[in-house]
N, C-alpha and C. Protein backbone atom coordinates (compact mmCIF):
# COMPACT_ATOMS: atom_id res chain seq x y z
N MET A 1 9.45 -9.84 62.74
CA MET A 1 8.35 -9.86 61.64
C MET A 1 8.40 -8.67 61.36
N MET A 2 8.35 -7.82 60.14
CA MET A 2 8.36 -6.91 59.82
C MET A 2 7.11 -6.37 59.22
N LYS A 3 5.91 -5.81 58.61
CA LYS A 3 5.43 -5.15 58.04
C LYS A 3 5.31 -4.56 56.86
N VAL A 4 4.75 -4.74 56.01
CA VAL A 4 5.34 -4.97 54.60
C VAL A 4 4.22 -4.11 54.19
N ARG A 5 4.37 -2.55 54.07
CA ARG A 5 3.28 -1.30 53.45
C ARG A 5 3.18 -1.32 52.68
N LYS A 6 1.30 -1.53 51.73
CA LYS A 6 1.18 -1.60 50.54
C LYS A 6 1.18 0.00 50.06
N ILE A 7 1.76 0.47 48.98
CA ILE A 7 1.94 1.70 48.37
C ILE A 7 0.70 1.79 47.14
N GLN A 8 -0.34 2.55 47.43
CA GLN A 8 -1.42 2.56 46.27
C GLN A 8 -1.27 3.76 45.92
N ARG A 9 -1.64 4.15 44.18
CA ARG A 9 -2.33 4.93 43.78
C ARG A 9 -2.70 6.15 43.90
N LYS A 10 -3.07 7.30 44.55
CA LYS A 10 -3.99 7.51 44.50
C LYS A 10 -5.09 8.07 43.01
N ASN A 11 -4.29 8.17 41.83
CA ASN A 11 -4.79 8.56 40.22
C ASN A 11 -4.11 7.66 39.59
N PRO A 12 -4.44 6.21 39.48
CA PRO A 12 -3.49 5.04 38.52
C PRO A 12 -4.04 5.72 37.81
N LYS A 13 -3.30 5.29 36.62
CA LYS A 13 -3.22 5.81 35.07
C LYS A 13 -4.40 4.60 34.63
N GLU A 14 -5.09 5.32 33.46
CA GLU A 14 -5.89 4.99 32.94
C GLU A 14 -6.57 4.73 31.18
N ARG A 15 -6.24 3.90 30.75
CA ARG A 15 -6.27 4.06 29.15
C ARG A 15 -7.19 3.11 28.34
N MET A 16 -8.33 3.41 27.41
CA MET A 16 -8.57 2.86 26.57
C MET A 16 -7.94 2.73 25.12
N GLY A 17 -8.44 1.23 24.94
CA GLY A 17 -8.10 0.76 23.61
C GLY A 17 -8.50 -0.17 23.14
N GLN A 18 -8.46 -0.55 21.76
CA GLN A 18 -9.03 -2.05 21.67
C GLN A 18 -7.99 -3.40 21.32
N VAL A 19 -8.61 -4.31 21.67
CA VAL A 19 -7.39 -5.65 21.68
C VAL A 19 -7.43 -5.69 20.37
N VAL A 20 -6.34 -6.21 19.79
CA VAL A 20 -5.28 -6.88 18.60
C VAL A 20 -5.05 -8.24 19.03
N SER A 21 -4.86 -8.54 20.15
CA SER A 21 -4.64 -9.80 19.87
C SER A 21 -5.28 -10.16 21.56
N ASP A 22 -5.70 -11.95 21.64
CA ASP A 22 -5.91 -12.64 22.56
C ASP A 22 -5.24 -13.79 22.23
N LYS A 23 -4.40 -14.13 21.75
CA LYS A 23 -3.59 -15.88 21.68
C LYS A 23 -3.04 -16.26 22.88
N MET A 24 -2.79 -15.08 24.13
CA MET A 24 -1.75 -15.45 25.14
C MET A 24 -2.75 -16.17 25.96
N ASP A 25 -2.44 -16.92 27.06
CA ASP A 25 -3.01 -17.17 28.12
C ASP A 25 -3.05 -16.01 28.91
N LYS A 26 -4.66 -15.57 29.57
CA LYS A 26 -4.68 -14.47 30.39
C LYS A 26 -4.01 -12.97 30.50
N THR A 27 -3.48 -12.80 29.25
CA THR A 27 -3.10 -11.80 28.64
C THR A 27 -3.28 -11.49 27.63
N VAL A 28 -3.77 -10.31 27.50
CA VAL A 28 -4.21 -9.14 25.87
C VAL A 28 -3.19 -8.25 25.54
N VAL A 29 -3.30 -7.97 24.48
CA VAL A 29 -2.49 -6.86 23.54
C VAL A 29 -3.26 -5.61 22.87
N VAL A 30 -3.33 -4.37 23.48
CA VAL A 30 -4.30 -3.63 23.70
C VAL A 30 -3.53 -2.29 22.87
N MET A 31 -4.34 -2.30 21.82
CA MET A 31 -3.55 -0.52 20.94
C MET A 31 -4.27 0.40 21.89
N VAL A 32 -3.35 1.16 22.27
CA VAL A 32 -3.93 2.92 22.64
C VAL A 32 -3.35 3.97 21.49
N SER A 33 -4.46 4.55 21.35
CA SER A 33 -4.08 5.67 20.28
C SER A 33 -4.00 6.51 21.07
N ARG A 34 -3.40 7.85 20.75
CA ARG A 34 -3.54 9.34 21.40
C ARG A 34 -3.22 10.27 20.16
N GLU A 35 -3.71 11.29 20.18
CA GLU A 35 -3.86 12.11 19.33
C GLU A 35 -3.52 14.01 19.69
N PHE A 36 -2.22 14.23 19.46
CA PHE A 36 -2.49 15.52 20.22
C PHE A 36 -1.13 16.74 19.01
N THR A 37 -1.37 18.20 19.39
CA THR A 37 -0.73 18.77 18.74
C THR A 37 1.16 18.87 18.85
N HIS A 38 1.19 19.07 17.50
CA HIS A 38 2.79 19.44 17.67
C HIS A 38 3.13 20.52 18.24
N PRO A 39 4.12 20.77 19.57
CA PRO A 39 4.05 22.17 20.18
C PRO A 39 4.66 23.34 19.39
N LEU A 40 5.57 22.71 18.55
CA LEU A 40 5.97 24.05 17.95
C LEU A 40 5.46 24.17 16.32
N TYR A 41 5.02 23.08 15.71
CA TYR A 41 4.43 23.31 14.28
C TYR A 41 2.66 23.13 14.53
N GLY A 42 2.28 22.60 15.18
CA GLY A 42 0.85 22.55 15.40
C GLY A 42 -0.11 21.75 14.61
N LYS A 43 0.97 20.84 13.77
CA LYS A 43 0.19 19.44 13.15
C LYS A 43 0.40 18.28 14.22
N ARG A 44 -1.58 17.96 13.80
CA ARG A 44 -2.10 16.97 14.76
C ARG A 44 -1.38 15.62 14.63
N ILE A 45 -0.81 14.77 15.62
CA ILE A 45 -0.19 13.93 15.21
C ILE A 45 -0.54 12.33 15.96
N ASN A 46 -0.84 11.28 15.31
CA ASN A 46 -1.37 10.00 16.16
C ASN A 46 -0.18 9.28 16.74
N ARG A 47 -0.17 9.01 17.57
CA ARG A 47 1.07 8.11 18.20
C ARG A 47 -0.16 7.08 18.75
N ARG A 48 0.38 5.54 18.76
CA ARG A 48 -0.03 4.39 18.84
C ARG A 48 0.88 3.74 19.44
N LYS A 49 0.19 3.09 20.69
CA LYS A 49 1.08 2.14 21.31
C LYS A 49 0.75 0.40 21.50
N ARG A 50 1.39 -0.28 21.74
CA ARG A 50 0.89 -1.77 21.65
C ARG A 50 1.40 -2.42 23.29
N ILE A 51 0.34 -2.43 24.18
CA ILE A 51 0.04 -2.55 25.47
C ILE A 51 0.13 -3.87 26.06
N LYS A 52 0.61 -4.99 26.56
CA LYS A 52 0.16 -5.94 27.18
C LYS A 52 -0.42 -5.89 28.60
N ALA A 53 -1.98 -6.39 28.52
CA ALA A 53 -2.26 -6.29 29.95
C ALA A 53 -3.18 -7.72 30.38
N HIS A 54 -3.96 -7.65 32.02
CA HIS A 54 -3.63 -8.80 31.90
C HIS A 54 -5.24 -9.28 32.41
N GLY A 55 -5.61 -10.09 31.84
CA GLY A 55 -7.24 -10.57 31.76
C GLY A 55 -7.46 -11.65 32.70
N GLU A 56 -7.66 -11.71 33.42
CA GLU A 56 -7.89 -12.93 34.21
C GLU A 56 -8.46 -13.63 33.95
N LYS A 57 -9.85 -13.37 33.53
CA LYS A 57 -10.63 -15.15 33.20
C LYS A 57 -10.36 -15.00 31.49
N ASN A 58 -9.98 -14.55 30.68
CA ASN A 58 -10.03 -14.55 29.53
C ASN A 58 -10.99 -14.20 28.31
N LEU A 59 -11.81 -13.20 28.68
CA LEU A 59 -13.10 -12.94 28.24
C LEU A 59 -13.23 -12.11 27.02
N CYS A 60 -11.49 -10.99 26.80
CA CYS A 60 -11.40 -10.15 26.09
C CYS A 60 -11.25 -11.02 24.39
N LEU A 61 -11.71 -10.44 23.33
CA LEU A 61 -11.92 -10.62 22.42
C LEU A 61 -11.04 -9.76 21.38
N LYS A 62 -10.44 -10.91 20.38
CA LYS A 62 -9.87 -9.23 19.19
C LYS A 62 -11.47 -8.75 18.82
N GLY A 63 -10.86 -7.23 18.77
CA GLY A 63 -11.42 -6.29 18.47
C GLY A 63 -12.61 -5.54 19.28
N ASP A 64 -12.64 -5.85 20.78
CA ASP A 64 -13.23 -5.46 21.91
C ASP A 64 -12.39 -4.26 21.88
N VAL A 65 -13.33 -3.40 22.49
CA VAL A 65 -12.92 -2.37 23.09
C VAL A 65 -13.09 -2.13 24.89
N VAL A 66 -11.81 -1.85 25.47
CA VAL A 66 -11.35 -2.34 26.74
C VAL A 66 -10.63 -0.69 27.71
N LYS A 67 -11.21 -0.88 28.77
CA LYS A 67 -10.32 -0.01 29.69
C LYS A 67 -9.48 -0.58 30.57
N ILE A 68 -7.95 0.03 30.64
CA ILE A 68 -7.19 -0.75 31.65
C ILE A 68 -6.37 0.54 32.36
N VAL A 69 -5.89 -0.19 33.48
CA VAL A 69 -5.10 0.23 34.63
C VAL A 69 -4.04 0.22 34.94
N GLU A 70 -3.25 1.20 35.13
CA GLU A 70 -1.79 0.84 35.84
C GLU A 70 -1.88 -0.28 37.13
N THR A 71 -1.37 -1.20 36.97
CA THR A 71 -0.90 -2.14 38.37
C THR A 71 0.62 -2.24 38.51
N ARG A 72 1.23 -3.51 39.32
CA ARG A 72 2.24 -3.27 40.22
C ARG A 72 2.98 -4.59 38.39
N LEU A 73 4.23 -4.60 38.30
CA LEU A 73 4.85 -5.51 37.59
C LEU A 73 4.40 -6.96 37.69
N LEU A 74 3.69 -7.20 36.24
CA LEU A 74 3.37 -8.74 36.81
C LEU A 74 4.00 -9.77 35.73
N SER A 75 4.72 -9.26 34.90
CA SER A 75 5.43 -10.00 34.23
C SER A 75 6.65 -9.16 33.60
N LYS A 76 7.34 -9.52 32.64
CA LYS A 76 8.85 -8.94 32.30
C LYS A 76 7.97 -7.50 31.78
N ASP A 77 7.23 -7.70 30.87
CA ASP A 77 6.49 -6.33 30.09
C ASP A 77 5.16 -6.01 30.29
N LYS A 78 4.72 -6.60 31.67
CA LYS A 78 3.28 -6.65 31.36
C LYS A 78 3.05 -5.54 33.28
N HIS A 79 2.20 -4.55 32.93
CA HIS A 79 1.99 -4.21 34.08
C HIS A 79 0.37 -3.07 34.16
N TRP A 80 -0.16 -3.75 33.55
CA TRP A 80 -1.50 -3.33 33.17
C TRP A 80 -2.32 -4.45 33.28
N ARG A 81 -3.71 -3.77 33.84
CA ARG A 81 -4.84 -5.04 33.81
C ARG A 81 -5.97 -4.41 33.07
N VAL A 82 -6.94 -5.34 32.64
CA VAL A 82 -8.44 -5.06 32.11
C VAL A 82 -9.19 -4.64 33.39
N THR A 83 -10.05 -3.58 33.60
CA THR A 83 -10.56 -3.45 34.76
C THR A 83 -11.93 -3.78 33.38
N GLU A 84 -12.52 -3.42 32.32
CA GLU A 84 -13.70 -3.66 31.80
C GLU A 84 -13.62 -3.53 30.92
N ILE A 85 -14.70 -4.43 29.84
CA ILE A 85 -14.91 -4.36 28.87
C ILE A 85 -16.06 -3.20 27.99
N LEU A 86 -15.66 -2.18 27.43
CA LEU A 86 -16.85 -1.14 26.73
C LEU A 86 -17.37 -1.84 25.54
N VAL A 87 -16.90 -2.76 24.54
CA VAL A 87 -17.49 -2.60 23.36
C VAL A 87 -17.49 -4.12 23.03
N ARG A 88 -18.33 -4.77 23.37
CA ARG A 88 -17.83 -6.00 22.32
C ARG A 88 -17.99 -5.89 20.82
N LYS A 89 -17.03 -6.61 20.35
CA LYS A 89 -16.91 -6.77 18.76
C LYS A 89 -18.04 -7.88 18.85
N GLU A 90 -18.89 -7.69 18.12
CA GLU A 90 -19.97 -8.13 16.96
C GLU A 90 -19.69 -9.58 16.59
N MET A 91 -20.02 -10.60 16.72
CA MET A 91 -20.09 -11.97 16.28
C MET A 91 -20.56 -12.12 14.82
N THR A 92 -19.69 -12.34 13.62
CA THR A 92 -20.54 -13.01 12.49
C THR A 92 -20.37 -13.86 12.28
N LYS A 93 -21.31 -14.71 11.56
CA LYS A 93 -21.26 -15.79 11.40
C LYS A 93 -20.45 -16.53 9.97
């Protein structure tokens, strides 16, 4: 019997973003924005990326700000998981 060794990253990637969709079971879509300066022209550029993240207990709602961390491949295009909810969206009646 072979022993399988788990490889853990010392510094896993972490991102913060806003939940834009919570319609799937145990999965949320998080919009992650980053701003950087163009190396040649110096203009500020905004880039946004939609990342599918695993939320085990379906606690995230649309509009929440969450922290996600990179993990092993969970499905075809899901390799991030939600670690904490930073800001809850206020419920309006």
